[in-house]
Amino acid sequence: MSSPAEISLEMMKIAIPGILVIITAYVVLKNQSDANLEKVRLELRKTNASTFNPMRMQAYERYILFLERITLNHLITEYNRAESNALIFRHAMLETINQEFSHNVAQQIYVSPQAYTIIKVAKEELLQLIQEKSKLVDPKGPASELAKILIEAVQEKGQQPVDKAIAFIKSEVKLTFQ
């Protein structure tokens, strides 16, 4: 008859290799699983990049277009009519800026937070400039008076509020897509 010590020793001879096989199998399977997961992640990134990058580029394009549409040159050319007074002219410019911004607000998810902040700041600076300079003219006076004051203000500053935002977006696009 075998002693309990011999039985325990025999059981350990069987159990220890079995445990080692299980641990080895676990490590090997985990490494394979991690490698497969990384391959799937890489493929997903490639797929997302091919889908997401064109959408990002389109968002940058749309914001450039927005900024170009709200330059004072464009607004004055578009809304300064001989029959229009300063109040109507001011209202048309402010409404256009806000509508254009609202139309493009969803694009913010595709641009960097810094780009979106700079775009918002440019819009707000332009609205503020129009509001401030509108106070210097008679609301019932000709729109051309307000246009003249706005042009002089921009010439005095040397650039329009949107110029910085346009330059930033262009540089960010170069960094992102080159």
N, C-alpha and C. Protein backbone atom coordinates (compact mmCIF):
# COMPACT_ATOMS: atom_id res chain seq x y z
N MET A 1 0.81 -1.17 0.00
CA MET A 1 0.00 0.00 0.00
C MET A 1 0.87 1.25 0.00
N SER A 2 0.37 2.27 -0.66
CA SER A 2 1.14 3.50 -0.78
C SER A 2 0.81 4.42 0.38
N SER A 3 1.81 5.11 0.78
CA SER A 3 1.60 6.06 1.88
C SER A 3 0.99 7.34 1.33
N PRO A 4 0.35 8.12 2.22
CA PRO A 4 -0.23 9.38 1.76
C PRO A 4 0.81 10.30 1.13
N ALA A 5 2.02 10.25 1.56
CA ALA A 5 3.06 11.09 0.99
C ALA A 5 3.34 10.68 -0.44
N GLU A 6 3.38 9.38 -0.72
CA GLU A 6 3.63 8.89 -2.07
C GLU A 6 2.47 9.26 -2.99
N ILE A 7 1.26 9.16 -2.46
CA ILE A 7 0.07 9.51 -3.26
C ILE A 7 0.12 11.00 -3.62
N SER A 8 0.47 11.80 -2.63
CA SER A 8 0.56 13.25 -2.86
C SER A 8 1.63 13.56 -3.89
N LEU A 9 2.76 12.87 -3.81
CA LEU A 9 3.85 13.08 -4.75
C LEU A 9 3.42 12.69 -6.16
N GLU A 10 2.71 11.60 -6.31
CA GLU A 10 2.22 11.16 -7.62
C GLU A 10 1.22 12.17 -8.18
N MET A 11 0.36 12.67 -7.33
CA MET A 11 -0.64 13.66 -7.77
C MET A 11 0.05 14.95 -8.22
N MET A 12 1.10 15.32 -7.50
CA MET A 12 1.84 16.53 -7.87
C MET A 12 2.56 16.34 -9.19
N LYS A 13 3.06 15.13 -9.45
CA LYS A 13 3.72 14.84 -10.72
C LYS A 13 2.76 15.02 -11.88
N ILE A 14 1.50 14.76 -11.65
CA ILE A 14 0.48 14.90 -12.69
C ILE A 14 -0.03 16.35 -12.75
N ALA A 15 -0.25 16.94 -11.57
CA ALA A 15 -0.88 18.27 -11.50
C ALA A 15 0.05 19.38 -11.96
N ILE A 16 1.29 19.35 -11.56
CA ILE A 16 2.22 20.45 -11.91
C ILE A 16 2.39 20.56 -13.42
N PRO A 17 2.66 19.52 -14.16
CA PRO A 17 2.74 19.67 -15.62
C PRO A 17 1.42 20.15 -16.22
N GLY A 18 0.31 19.67 -15.67
CA GLY A 18 -1.00 20.11 -16.17
C GLY A 18 -1.20 21.62 -15.96
N ILE A 19 -0.83 22.09 -14.79
CA ILE A 19 -0.95 23.53 -14.49
C ILE A 19 -0.02 24.32 -15.40
N LEU A 20 1.19 23.83 -15.62
CA LEU A 20 2.13 24.53 -16.51
C LEU A 20 1.59 24.58 -17.94
N VAL A 21 0.98 23.50 -18.40
CA VAL A 21 0.38 23.49 -19.74
C VAL A 21 -0.74 24.52 -19.83
N ILE A 22 -1.57 24.58 -18.80
CA ILE A 22 -2.68 25.55 -18.79
C ILE A 22 -2.14 26.97 -18.79
N ILE A 23 -1.14 27.26 -17.97
CA ILE A 23 -0.56 28.61 -17.92
C ILE A 23 0.07 28.97 -19.26
N THR A 24 0.82 28.04 -19.85
CA THR A 24 1.44 28.28 -21.16
C THR A 24 0.39 28.54 -22.22
N ALA A 25 -0.64 27.73 -22.23
CA ALA A 25 -1.72 27.91 -23.21
C ALA A 25 -2.38 29.27 -23.02
N TYR A 26 -2.60 29.68 -21.79
CA TYR A 26 -3.22 30.98 -21.52
C TYR A 26 -2.35 32.11 -22.05
N VAL A 27 -1.04 32.06 -21.75
CA VAL A 27 -0.12 33.11 -22.19
C VAL A 27 -0.07 33.18 -23.71
N VAL A 28 0.03 32.03 -24.37
CA VAL A 28 0.10 31.99 -25.83
C VAL A 28 -1.19 32.54 -26.44
N LEU A 29 -2.33 32.07 -25.93
CA LEU A 29 -3.62 32.53 -26.46
C LEU A 29 -3.83 34.02 -26.20
N LYS A 30 -3.41 34.50 -25.04
CA LYS A 30 -3.54 35.92 -24.73
C LYS A 30 -2.69 36.75 -25.68
N ASN A 31 -1.46 36.31 -25.93
CA ASN A 31 -0.59 37.04 -26.86
C ASN A 31 -1.17 37.06 -28.27
N GLN A 32 -1.71 35.93 -28.72
CA GLN A 32 -2.34 35.87 -30.04
C GLN A 32 -3.57 36.77 -30.07
N SER A 33 -4.33 36.73 -29.03
CA SER A 33 -5.53 37.57 -28.96
C SER A 33 -5.17 39.04 -28.99
N ASP A 34 -4.14 39.42 -28.22
CA ASP A 34 -3.69 40.82 -28.22
C ASP A 34 -3.18 41.23 -29.60
N ALA A 35 -2.45 40.36 -30.25
CA ALA A 35 -1.93 40.66 -31.59
C ALA A 35 -3.08 40.82 -32.59
N ASN A 36 -4.07 39.93 -32.50
CA ASN A 36 -5.24 40.03 -33.39
C ASN A 36 -6.03 41.29 -33.11
N LEU A 37 -6.18 41.62 -31.84
CA LEU A 37 -6.90 42.84 -31.47
C LEU A 37 -6.18 44.07 -32.02
N GLU A 38 -4.87 44.08 -31.95
CA GLU A 38 -4.10 45.20 -32.48
C GLU A 38 -4.23 45.29 -33.99
N LYS A 39 -4.26 44.14 -34.67
CA LYS A 39 -4.48 44.14 -36.13
C LYS A 39 -5.84 44.72 -36.47
N VAL A 40 -6.85 44.33 -35.71
CA VAL A 40 -8.21 44.84 -35.94
C VAL A 40 -8.24 46.35 -35.70
N ARG A 41 -7.59 46.79 -34.64
CA ARG A 41 -7.55 48.24 -34.34
C ARG A 41 -6.86 49.00 -35.46
N LEU A 42 -5.75 48.46 -35.97
CA LEU A 42 -5.03 49.10 -37.05
C LEU A 42 -5.89 49.20 -38.31
N GLU A 43 -6.57 48.13 -38.64
CA GLU A 43 -7.47 48.13 -39.80
C GLU A 43 -8.60 49.14 -39.60
N LEU A 44 -9.12 49.20 -38.39
CA LEU A 44 -10.19 50.16 -38.09
C LEU A 44 -9.68 51.60 -38.23
N ARG A 45 -8.45 51.84 -37.76
CA ARG A 45 -7.87 53.18 -37.92
C ARG A 45 -7.71 53.54 -39.39
N LYS A 46 -7.24 52.58 -40.18
CA LYS A 46 -7.07 52.83 -41.62
C LYS A 46 -8.42 53.13 -42.27
N THR A 47 -9.42 52.34 -41.92
CA THR A 47 -10.76 52.55 -42.48
C THR A 47 -11.31 53.90 -42.05
N ASN A 48 -11.15 54.22 -40.76
CA ASN A 48 -11.64 55.50 -40.26
C ASN A 48 -10.91 56.66 -40.91
N ALA A 49 -9.61 56.52 -41.10
CA ALA A 49 -8.84 57.59 -41.73
C ALA A 49 -9.31 57.82 -43.15
N SER A 50 -9.59 56.76 -43.87
CA SER A 50 -10.02 56.93 -45.26
C SER A 50 -11.42 57.54 -45.32
N THR A 51 -12.22 57.36 -44.28
CA THR A 51 -13.55 57.94 -44.23
C THR A 51 -13.52 59.31 -43.57
N PHE A 52 -12.79 59.40 -42.47
CA PHE A 52 -12.81 60.60 -41.65
C PHE A 52 -12.00 61.74 -42.25
N ASN A 53 -10.85 61.45 -42.84
CA ASN A 53 -10.01 62.52 -43.39
C ASN A 53 -10.71 63.35 -44.47
N PRO A 54 -11.42 62.74 -45.41
CA PRO A 54 -12.15 63.58 -46.37
C PRO A 54 -13.20 64.47 -45.70
N MET A 55 -13.81 63.96 -44.65
CA MET A 55 -14.81 64.76 -43.94
C MET A 55 -14.12 65.91 -43.19
N ARG A 56 -12.95 65.63 -42.63
CA ARG A 56 -12.18 66.70 -41.96
C ARG A 56 -11.79 67.77 -42.97
N MET A 57 -11.30 67.34 -44.11
CA MET A 57 -10.89 68.31 -45.13
C MET A 57 -12.08 69.15 -45.57
N GLN A 58 -13.22 68.51 -45.75
CA GLN A 58 -14.41 69.23 -46.14
C GLN A 58 -14.81 70.25 -45.06
N ALA A 59 -14.66 69.89 -43.80
CA ALA A 59 -14.98 70.82 -42.71
C ALA A 59 -14.06 72.04 -42.75
N TYR A 60 -12.78 71.80 -42.97
CA TYR A 60 -11.85 72.93 -43.09
C TYR A 60 -12.21 73.81 -44.28
N GLU A 61 -12.55 73.17 -45.39
CA GLU A 61 -12.96 73.93 -46.57
C GLU A 61 -14.19 74.78 -46.29
N ARG A 62 -15.15 74.18 -45.61
CA ARG A 62 -16.39 74.91 -45.31
C ARG A 62 -16.13 76.08 -44.36
N TYR A 63 -15.23 75.90 -43.41
CA TYR A 63 -14.92 77.01 -42.51
C TYR A 63 -14.16 78.11 -43.23
N ILE A 64 -13.28 77.76 -44.15
CA ILE A 64 -12.60 78.78 -44.96
C ILE A 64 -13.64 79.55 -45.77
N LEU A 65 -14.56 78.82 -46.38
CA LEU A 65 -15.62 79.46 -47.16
C LEU A 65 -16.46 80.37 -46.27
N PHE A 66 -16.81 79.91 -45.08
CA PHE A 66 -17.55 80.73 -44.12
C PHE A 66 -16.79 82.02 -43.82
N LEU A 67 -15.50 81.89 -43.51
CA LEU A 67 -14.71 83.06 -43.15
C LEU A 67 -14.59 84.03 -44.33
N GLU A 68 -14.44 83.48 -45.53
CA GLU A 68 -14.38 84.35 -46.71
C GLU A 68 -15.71 85.08 -46.94
N ARG A 69 -16.80 84.40 -46.66
CA ARG A 69 -18.12 85.01 -46.85
C ARG A 69 -18.41 86.11 -45.84
N ILE A 70 -17.72 86.07 -44.69
CA ILE A 70 -17.99 87.10 -43.69
C ILE A 70 -16.90 88.17 -43.63
N THR A 71 -15.99 88.17 -44.59
CA THR A 71 -15.03 89.28 -44.63
C THR A 71 -15.80 90.55 -44.90
N LEU A 72 -15.31 91.65 -44.38
CA LEU A 72 -16.00 92.92 -44.61
C LEU A 72 -16.07 93.25 -46.09
N ASN A 73 -15.04 92.94 -46.83
CA ASN A 73 -15.07 93.20 -48.29
C ASN A 73 -16.28 92.53 -48.93
N HIS A 74 -16.48 91.25 -48.58
CA HIS A 74 -17.60 90.51 -49.16
C HIS A 74 -18.93 91.08 -48.66
N LEU A 75 -19.04 91.31 -47.37
CA LEU A 75 -20.30 91.81 -46.81
C LEU A 75 -20.67 93.18 -47.38
N ILE A 76 -19.68 94.04 -47.50
CA ILE A 76 -19.94 95.39 -48.04
C ILE A 76 -20.37 95.29 -49.50
N THR A 77 -19.66 94.47 -50.26
CA THR A 77 -20.02 94.30 -51.68
C THR A 77 -21.43 93.71 -51.82
N GLU A 78 -21.75 92.78 -50.95
CA GLU A 78 -23.03 92.07 -51.04
C GLU A 78 -24.21 92.90 -50.57
N TYR A 79 -24.03 93.69 -49.51
CA TYR A 79 -25.20 94.32 -48.85
C TYR A 79 -25.22 95.84 -48.87
N ASN A 80 -24.19 96.50 -49.33
CA ASN A 80 -24.17 97.96 -49.37
C ASN A 80 -24.89 98.43 -50.64
N ARG A 81 -26.14 98.74 -50.49
CA ARG A 81 -26.96 99.21 -51.61
C ARG A 81 -27.23 100.71 -51.46
N ALA A 82 -27.31 101.40 -52.56
CA ALA A 82 -27.53 102.86 -52.54
C ALA A 82 -28.84 103.20 -51.83
N GLU A 83 -29.85 102.37 -52.00
CA GLU A 83 -31.16 102.66 -51.40
C GLU A 83 -31.24 102.21 -49.93
N SER A 84 -30.22 101.56 -49.45
CA SER A 84 -30.23 101.00 -48.10
C SER A 84 -29.70 102.02 -47.09
N ASN A 85 -30.27 101.97 -45.88
CA ASN A 85 -29.73 102.82 -44.83
C ASN A 85 -28.79 102.01 -43.94
N ALA A 86 -28.12 102.69 -43.03
CA ALA A 86 -27.11 102.05 -42.17
C ALA A 86 -27.71 100.96 -41.29
N LEU A 87 -28.93 101.19 -40.81
CA LEU A 87 -29.57 100.21 -39.94
C LEU A 87 -29.86 98.90 -40.69
N ILE A 88 -30.40 99.01 -41.88
CA ILE A 88 -30.69 97.82 -42.68
C ILE A 88 -29.39 97.11 -43.08
N PHE A 89 -28.40 97.88 -43.45
CA PHE A 89 -27.10 97.34 -43.82
C PHE A 89 -26.48 96.58 -42.64
N ARG A 90 -26.48 97.20 -41.47
CA ARG A 90 -25.95 96.57 -40.26
C ARG A 90 -26.69 95.27 -39.97
N HIS A 91 -28.01 95.33 -40.03
CA HIS A 91 -28.82 94.15 -39.75
C HIS A 91 -28.51 93.02 -40.75
N ALA A 92 -28.38 93.35 -42.00
CA ALA A 92 -28.10 92.34 -43.03
C ALA A 92 -26.74 91.67 -42.78
N MET A 93 -25.75 92.48 -42.42
CA MET A 93 -24.43 91.90 -42.16
C MET A 93 -24.45 90.99 -40.94
N LEU A 94 -25.05 91.47 -39.84
CA LEU A 94 -25.09 90.67 -38.62
C LEU A 94 -25.87 89.37 -38.83
N GLU A 95 -26.98 89.47 -39.52
CA GLU A 95 -27.80 88.28 -39.78
C GLU A 95 -27.05 87.28 -40.65
N THR A 96 -26.36 87.76 -41.66
CA THR A 96 -25.59 86.88 -42.54
C THR A 96 -24.50 86.16 -41.77
N ILE A 97 -23.76 86.89 -40.95
CA ILE A 97 -22.68 86.28 -40.17
C ILE A 97 -23.23 85.17 -39.28
N ASN A 98 -24.30 85.47 -38.56
CA ASN A 98 -24.88 84.48 -37.64
C ASN A 98 -25.48 83.29 -38.38
N GLN A 99 -26.13 83.54 -39.50
CA GLN A 99 -26.70 82.43 -40.28
C GLN A 99 -25.61 81.54 -40.86
N GLU A 100 -24.59 82.16 -41.41
CA GLU A 100 -23.49 81.39 -41.98
C GLU A 100 -22.81 80.54 -40.90
N PHE A 101 -22.63 81.13 -39.73
CA PHE A 101 -21.99 80.38 -38.64
C PHE A 101 -22.88 79.22 -38.22
N SER A 102 -24.16 79.47 -38.04
CA SER A 102 -25.09 78.41 -37.64
C SER A 102 -25.14 77.29 -38.67
N HIS A 103 -25.05 77.66 -39.92
CA HIS A 103 -25.10 76.67 -41.00
C HIS A 103 -23.91 75.71 -40.94
N ASN A 104 -22.78 76.18 -40.41
CA ASN A 104 -21.56 75.38 -40.39
C ASN A 104 -21.18 74.86 -39.01
N VAL A 105 -22.02 75.07 -38.02
CA VAL A 105 -21.64 74.73 -36.65
C VAL A 105 -21.36 73.24 -36.46
N ALA A 106 -22.00 72.38 -37.18
CA ALA A 106 -21.77 70.93 -37.02
C ALA A 106 -20.38 70.52 -37.48
N GLN A 107 -19.74 71.34 -38.28
CA GLN A 107 -18.40 71.01 -38.78
C GLN A 107 -17.35 71.02 -37.67
N GLN A 108 -17.71 71.59 -36.51
CA GLN A 108 -16.73 71.69 -35.42
C GLN A 108 -16.22 70.32 -34.94
N ILE A 109 -17.00 69.27 -35.15
CA ILE A 109 -16.54 67.95 -34.70
C ILE A 109 -15.38 67.42 -35.54
N TYR A 110 -15.13 68.02 -36.69
CA TYR A 110 -14.08 67.55 -37.58
C TYR A 110 -12.81 68.40 -37.53
N VAL A 111 -12.88 69.55 -36.88
CA VAL A 111 -11.69 70.42 -36.79
C VAL A 111 -11.19 70.41 -35.35
N SER A 112 -9.98 70.87 -35.17
CA SER A 112 -9.39 70.88 -33.83
C SER A 112 -10.13 71.90 -32.95
N PRO A 113 -10.10 71.69 -31.65
CA PRO A 113 -10.73 72.66 -30.75
C PRO A 113 -10.11 74.06 -30.90
N GLN A 114 -8.81 74.12 -31.17
CA GLN A 114 -8.16 75.42 -31.35
C GLN A 114 -8.70 76.13 -32.59
N ALA A 115 -8.86 75.38 -33.67
CA ALA A 115 -9.38 75.99 -34.91
C ALA A 115 -10.79 76.50 -34.69
N TYR A 116 -11.60 75.71 -34.03
CA TYR A 116 -12.98 76.13 -33.80
C TYR A 116 -13.03 77.37 -32.90
N THR A 117 -12.19 77.41 -31.90
CA THR A 117 -12.15 78.58 -31.01
C THR A 117 -11.73 79.82 -31.78
N ILE A 118 -10.72 79.69 -32.62
CA ILE A 118 -10.25 80.84 -33.40
C ILE A 118 -11.34 81.31 -34.36
N ILE A 119 -12.07 80.39 -34.94
CA ILE A 119 -13.18 80.76 -35.84
C ILE A 119 -14.25 81.53 -35.07
N LYS A 120 -14.61 81.02 -33.90
CA LYS A 120 -15.62 81.69 -33.07
C LYS A 120 -15.16 83.09 -32.65
N VAL A 121 -13.90 83.20 -32.27
CA VAL A 121 -13.35 84.50 -31.86
C VAL A 121 -13.39 85.48 -33.03
N ALA A 122 -13.03 85.02 -34.22
CA ALA A 122 -13.05 85.88 -35.41
C ALA A 122 -14.47 86.37 -35.68
N LYS A 123 -15.42 85.47 -35.59
CA LYS A 123 -16.83 85.84 -35.80
C LYS A 123 -17.27 86.88 -34.78
N GLU A 124 -16.95 86.64 -33.52
CA GLU A 124 -17.36 87.56 -32.45
C GLU A 124 -16.68 88.92 -32.59
N GLU A 125 -15.41 88.93 -32.96
CA GLU A 125 -14.70 90.20 -33.16
C GLU A 125 -15.35 90.99 -34.31
N LEU A 126 -15.73 90.30 -35.36
CA LEU A 126 -16.36 90.97 -36.49
C LEU A 126 -17.73 91.52 -36.09
N LEU A 127 -18.51 90.73 -35.38
CA LEU A 127 -19.82 91.22 -34.91
C LEU A 127 -19.64 92.45 -34.03
N GLN A 128 -18.67 92.39 -33.14
CA GLN A 128 -18.41 93.51 -32.23
C GLN A 128 -17.97 94.75 -33.00
N LEU A 129 -17.12 94.57 -33.99
CA LEU A 129 -16.65 95.69 -34.81
C LEU A 129 -17.84 96.36 -35.51
N ILE A 130 -18.70 95.56 -36.10
CA ILE A 130 -19.87 96.10 -36.80
C ILE A 130 -20.78 96.83 -35.82
N GLN A 131 -21.00 96.23 -34.66
CA GLN A 131 -21.87 96.87 -33.65
C GLN A 131 -21.27 98.20 -33.20
N GLU A 132 -19.99 98.22 -32.88
CA GLU A 132 -19.34 99.44 -32.39
C GLU A 132 -19.36 100.54 -33.44
N LYS A 133 -19.00 100.21 -34.66
CA LYS A 133 -18.93 101.23 -35.71
C LYS A 133 -20.31 101.69 -36.14
N SER A 134 -21.33 100.85 -35.95
CA SER A 134 -22.70 101.24 -36.28
C SER A 134 -23.18 102.37 -35.38
N LYS A 135 -22.66 102.44 -34.17
CA LYS A 135 -23.06 103.50 -33.23
C LYS A 135 -22.54 104.86 -33.65
N LEU A 136 -21.58 104.89 -34.55
CA LEU A 136 -20.98 106.16 -34.98
C LEU A 136 -21.72 106.82 -36.14
N VAL A 137 -22.70 106.11 -36.69
CA VAL A 137 -23.45 106.67 -37.83
C VAL A 137 -24.94 106.76 -37.50
N ASP A 138 -25.61 107.63 -38.21
CA ASP A 138 -27.06 107.75 -38.07
C ASP A 138 -27.70 106.49 -38.69
N PRO A 139 -28.53 105.77 -37.91
CA PRO A 139 -29.14 104.54 -38.43
C PRO A 139 -29.94 104.77 -39.72
N LYS A 140 -30.48 105.97 -39.89
CA LYS A 140 -31.25 106.26 -41.09
C LYS A 140 -30.40 106.84 -42.21
N GLY A 141 -29.12 107.05 -41.91
CA GLY A 141 -28.19 107.57 -42.90
C GLY A 141 -27.87 106.50 -43.93
N PRO A 142 -27.15 106.88 -44.96
CA PRO A 142 -26.82 105.91 -46.02
C PRO A 142 -25.90 104.79 -45.53
N ALA A 143 -26.11 103.63 -46.08
CA ALA A 143 -25.30 102.47 -45.73
C ALA A 143 -23.83 102.71 -46.07
N SER A 144 -23.59 103.53 -47.07
CA SER A 144 -22.22 103.80 -47.49
C SER A 144 -21.40 104.46 -46.38
N GLU A 145 -22.04 105.21 -45.49
CA GLU A 145 -21.32 105.82 -44.37
C GLU A 145 -20.78 104.74 -43.43
N LEU A 146 -21.60 103.77 -43.11
CA LEU A 146 -21.17 102.67 -42.26
C LEU A 146 -20.09 101.86 -42.97
N ALA A 147 -20.27 101.61 -44.24
CA ALA A 147 -19.27 100.85 -45.01
C ALA A 147 -17.92 101.56 -44.96
N LYS A 148 -17.93 102.87 -45.12
CA LYS A 148 -16.70 103.66 -45.11
C LYS A 148 -16.01 103.55 -43.75
N ILE A 149 -16.77 103.67 -42.67
CA ILE A 149 -16.19 103.59 -41.32
C ILE A 149 -15.62 102.20 -41.06
N LEU A 150 -16.31 101.17 -41.53
CA LEU A 150 -15.81 99.81 -41.35
C LEU A 150 -14.50 99.59 -42.12
N ILE A 151 -14.45 100.08 -43.34
CA ILE A 151 -13.23 99.95 -44.16
C ILE A 151 -12.07 100.68 -43.49
N GLU A 152 -12.34 101.88 -42.97
CA GLU A 152 -11.29 102.64 -42.29
C GLU A 152 -10.80 101.91 -41.04
N ALA A 153 -11.71 101.29 -40.32
CA ALA A 153 -11.33 100.56 -39.10
C ALA A 153 -10.42 99.38 -39.44
N VAL A 154 -10.74 98.69 -40.52
CA VAL A 154 -9.92 97.55 -40.94
C VAL A 154 -8.55 98.04 -41.41
N GLN A 155 -8.53 99.12 -42.16
CA GLN A 155 -7.26 99.66 -42.63
C GLN A 155 -6.40 100.12 -41.45
N GLU A 156 -7.03 100.66 -40.46
CA GLU A 156 -6.31 101.11 -39.26
C GLU A 156 -5.67 99.93 -38.52
N LYS A 157 -6.41 98.82 -38.43
CA LYS A 157 -5.89 97.63 -37.75
C LYS A 157 -4.88 96.88 -38.62
N GLY A 158 -5.00 97.03 -39.91
CA GLY A 158 -4.08 96.33 -40.82
C GLY A 158 -4.58 94.98 -41.29
N GLN A 159 -5.61 94.46 -40.64
CA GLN A 159 -6.19 93.18 -41.08
C GLN A 159 -7.61 93.06 -40.54
N GLN A 160 -8.34 92.19 -41.19
CA GLN A 160 -9.70 91.93 -40.75
C GLN A 160 -9.69 90.90 -39.64
N PRO A 161 -10.74 90.86 -38.82
CA PRO A 161 -10.78 89.85 -37.75
C PRO A 161 -10.68 88.42 -38.26
N VAL A 162 -11.15 88.15 -39.45
CA VAL A 162 -11.13 86.77 -39.97
C VAL A 162 -9.78 86.36 -40.55
N ASP A 163 -8.89 87.32 -40.80
CA ASP A 163 -7.60 86.99 -41.43
C ASP A 163 -6.78 86.02 -40.59
N LYS A 164 -6.75 86.21 -39.28
CA LYS A 164 -5.99 85.31 -38.40
C LYS A 164 -6.56 83.90 -38.45
N ALA A 165 -7.87 83.79 -38.45
CA ALA A 165 -8.52 82.48 -38.49
C ALA A 165 -8.23 81.76 -39.80
N ILE A 166 -8.28 82.48 -40.89
CA ILE A 166 -7.98 81.87 -42.20
C ILE A 166 -6.54 81.37 -42.23
N ALA A 167 -5.61 82.19 -41.75
CA ALA A 167 -4.20 81.78 -41.72
C ALA A 167 -4.01 80.55 -40.82
N PHE A 168 -4.68 80.53 -39.67
CA PHE A 168 -4.54 79.40 -38.76
C PHE A 168 -5.06 78.12 -39.40
N ILE A 169 -6.22 78.20 -40.02
CA ILE A 169 -6.82 77.01 -40.64
C ILE A 169 -5.91 76.49 -41.76
N LYS A 170 -5.40 77.38 -42.57
CA LYS A 170 -4.51 76.96 -43.66
C LYS A 170 -3.27 76.25 -43.11
N SER A 171 -2.70 76.79 -42.04
CA SER A 171 -1.50 76.15 -41.47
C SER A 171 -1.85 74.81 -40.83
N GLU A 172 -3.01 74.72 -40.20
CA GLU A 172 -3.43 73.45 -39.58
C GLU A 172 -3.69 72.39 -40.65
N VAL A 173 -4.27 72.78 -41.75
CA VAL A 173 -4.51 71.83 -42.85
C VAL A 173 -3.18 71.31 -43.39
N LYS A 174 -2.22 72.20 -43.55
CA LYS A 174 -0.90 71.77 -44.04
C LYS A 174 -0.28 70.76 -43.08
N LEU A 175 -0.37 71.03 -41.78
CA LEU A 175 0.21 70.13 -40.80
C LEU A 175 -0.53 68.80 -40.75
N THR A 176 -1.83 68.84 -40.88
CA THR A 176 -2.66 67.64 -40.74
C THR A 176 -2.59 66.74 -41.96
N PHE A 177 -2.56 67.31 -43.14
CA PHE A 177 -2.70 66.50 -44.35
C PHE A 177 -1.43 66.36 -45.18
N GLN A 178 -0.32 66.80 -44.67
CA GLN A 178 0.93 66.61 -45.42
C GLN A 178 1.82 65.61 -44.77
